[in-house]
Protein backbone atom coordinates (compact mmCIF):
# COMPACT_ATOMS: atom_id res chain seq x y z
CA MET A 1 88.72 90.45 128.58
CA ALA A 2 86.06 91.72 126.22
CA THR A 3 84.34 89.44 123.73
CA ARG A 4 83.74 90.10 120.05
CA HIS A 5 80.07 90.68 120.90
CA GLN A 6 81.07 93.44 123.33
CA ALA A 7 83.39 94.91 120.71
CA ARG A 8 80.59 94.92 118.13
CA THR A 9 78.22 96.52 120.64
CA ALA A 10 80.73 99.32 121.19
CA VAL A 11 81.19 99.77 117.43
CA VAL A 12 77.42 100.05 116.95
CA GLY A 13 77.49 102.86 119.54
CA LEU A 14 80.33 104.58 117.67
CA LEU A 15 78.51 104.25 114.35
CA TYR A 16 75.34 105.58 115.97
CA ALA A 17 77.21 108.64 117.26
CA TYR A 18 78.76 109.12 113.82
CA ASP A 19 75.31 108.95 112.19
CA LEU A 20 74.00 111.57 114.60
CA GLY A 21 76.55 113.96 113.10
CA ASN A 22 79.45 113.47 115.48
CA GLU A 23 82.00 112.89 112.73
CA GLU A 24 84.82 113.61 115.22
CA ILE A 25 83.92 110.47 117.19
CA SER A 26 86.85 108.67 115.57
CA THR A 27 89.24 110.82 117.64
CA PHE A 28 87.64 109.46 120.82
CA THR A 29 87.37 105.78 119.94
CA ASP A 30 90.22 104.69 122.23
CA ILE A 31 88.70 106.53 125.19
CA ILE A 32 85.26 105.05 124.54
CA LEU A 33 86.63 101.54 124.02
CA GLU A 34 88.67 101.83 127.24
CA GLU A 35 85.53 102.85 129.15
CA ASP A 36 83.89 99.67 127.83
CA LYS A 37 87.00 97.69 128.87
CA ILE A 38 87.71 96.69 125.28
CA ARG A 39 91.44 96.18 125.03
CA ASN A 40 94.19 94.46 123.07
CA LYS A 41 92.96 92.23 120.22
CA GLN A 42 89.33 93.23 120.69
CA ARG A 43 90.30 96.91 120.49
CA GLU A 44 92.14 96.26 117.22
CA PHE A 45 89.08 94.34 116.02
CA SER A 46 86.83 97.27 117.00
CA HIS A 47 89.04 99.76 115.16
CA THR A 48 89.00 97.56 112.05
CA LEU A 49 85.21 97.35 112.15
CA PHE A 50 84.58 101.03 112.84
CA ASN A 51 87.16 102.46 110.44
CA GLY A 52 86.31 99.96 107.71
CA THR A 53 82.60 100.69 107.97
CA ILE A 54 83.15 104.46 107.81
CA LYS A 55 85.62 104.12 104.92
CA ASN A 56 83.14 102.02 102.91
CA LEU A 57 79.96 103.79 104.04
CA ALA A 58 78.72 104.81 100.58
CA THR A 59 79.10 101.26 99.23
CA ILE A 60 77.53 99.74 102.35
CA ASP A 61 74.55 102.13 102.30
CA ALA A 62 73.97 101.47 98.59
CA GLU A 63 74.00 97.72 99.24
CA ILE A 64 71.53 98.01 102.12
CA GLN A 65 69.23 100.26 100.07
CA LYS A 66 69.11 97.69 97.25
CA HIS A 67 67.50 95.22 99.63
CA LEU A 68 64.91 97.46 101.30
CA LYS A 69 61.56 96.37 100.02
CA GLY A 70 59.04 99.12 100.55
CA TRP A 71 61.19 101.00 103.05
CA ASP A 72 62.66 104.47 102.79
CA TYR A 73 66.28 104.30 103.92
CA ASN A 74 66.02 107.67 105.67
CA SER A 75 63.09 106.47 107.80
CA ILE A 76 65.05 103.57 109.31
CA GLY A 77 66.14 104.12 112.91
CA LYS A 78 69.75 105.08 113.48
CA VAL A 79 70.40 102.11 115.77
CA GLU A 80 69.04 99.67 113.18
CA LYS A 81 71.04 101.42 110.47
CA SER A 82 74.22 101.19 112.55
CA ILE A 83 73.70 97.47 113.13
CA MET A 84 73.04 96.81 109.44
CA ARG A 85 76.02 98.91 108.36
CA LEU A 86 78.37 97.00 110.64
CA ALA A 87 76.98 93.62 109.57
CA THR A 88 77.07 94.53 105.88
CA PHE A 89 80.70 95.58 106.25
CA GLU A 90 81.57 92.27 107.86
CA ILE A 91 79.72 90.23 105.23
CA MET A 92 80.80 92.18 102.13
CA ILE A 93 84.26 93.48 102.91
CA GLU A 94 85.60 91.30 105.71
CA GLY A 95 84.07 88.14 104.26
CA THR A 96 82.93 86.84 107.63
CA ASP A 97 80.45 83.95 107.51
CA LYS A 98 77.05 85.52 106.95
CA ARG A 99 75.29 83.14 109.38
CA ILE A 100 77.52 84.29 112.23
CA ILE A 101 77.10 87.96 111.36
CA ILE A 102 73.34 87.80 110.87
CA ASN A 103 72.94 86.01 114.20
CA GLU A 104 75.14 88.62 115.89
CA ALA A 105 73.14 91.46 114.28
CA ILE A 106 69.88 89.93 115.49
CA GLU A 107 71.27 89.69 119.03
CA LEU A 108 72.41 93.32 118.86
CA ALA A 109 68.96 94.35 117.61
CA LYS A 110 67.25 92.46 120.44
CA ALA A 111 69.41 94.29 122.98
CA LEU A 112 69.54 97.76 121.42
CA ALA A 113 66.51 98.29 119.18
CA ASP A 114 62.75 97.80 119.25
CA ASP A 115 60.87 94.49 119.07
CA LYS A 116 60.34 94.51 115.29
CA SER A 117 63.94 95.30 114.42
CA PRO A 118 65.42 91.78 114.61
CA ARG A 119 63.09 90.43 111.88
CA PHE A 120 63.63 93.47 109.67
CA ILE A 121 67.42 93.36 110.06
CA ASN A 122 67.42 89.60 109.47
CA ALA A 123 65.53 89.99 106.18
CA VAL A 124 67.78 92.75 104.85
CA LEU A 125 71.03 91.06 105.86
CA ASP A 126 69.89 87.71 104.52
CA ALA A 127 69.35 89.38 101.12
CA VAL A 128 72.78 91.04 101.35
CA GLY A 129 74.37 87.70 102.24
CA LYS A 130 72.64 85.85 99.41
CA GLU A 131 73.83 88.41 96.89
CA GLU A 132 77.38 88.20 98.22
CA ALA A 133 77.28 84.40 97.99
CA ALA A 134 76.07 84.65 94.38
CA ASN A 135 78.93 87.02 93.54
CA ILE A 136 81.61 84.64 94.76
CA GLU A 137 83.20 83.00 91.78
CA LYS A 138 82.66 79.30 91.67
CA PRO A 139 85.56 77.20 90.46
CA GLU A 140 85.10 76.02 86.93
CA GLU A 141 84.03 72.44 86.73
CA LYS A 142 86.34 70.52 84.48
CA GLU A 143 84.96 67.68 82.53
CA LEU A 144 86.84 64.54 83.37
CA PRO A 145 88.01 62.46 80.45
CA LYS A 146 85.89 59.40 79.94
CA GLU A 147 87.61 56.13 80.43
CA LYS A 148 88.33 54.21 77.25
CA PRO A 149 86.90 50.73 77.24
CA GLU A 150 89.60 48.10 77.06
């Protein structure tokens, strides 16, 4: 049985193919996932990640671009972009714990990208995660009534 890490690795590959211009890749996702032995719950998870990322691509790309300090978005490698897109989707839309997602993205970068990518991806996703945490509404603190002296 495939793990979530294997499912995410497959989704990064699908997003990479999509970014290369193969917009019809979504019609082949089941075949590709089957080749990677991603089945059942992990296949559903993969579909959720891939389709959700594609559906929210404009929002995700805008969020990533806000946190690029001194980098041109178009000069970022497609593998790195795919990893960040997936992670940003999981942090922003799915609401998955940012620490888990950032760690997973770093592991994907170590396996799939160049040596400098993990640090770069970590910095961008940490900024995305901090902004998302700041946007979460905090419950209003109610002032407790003071006890009356007897």
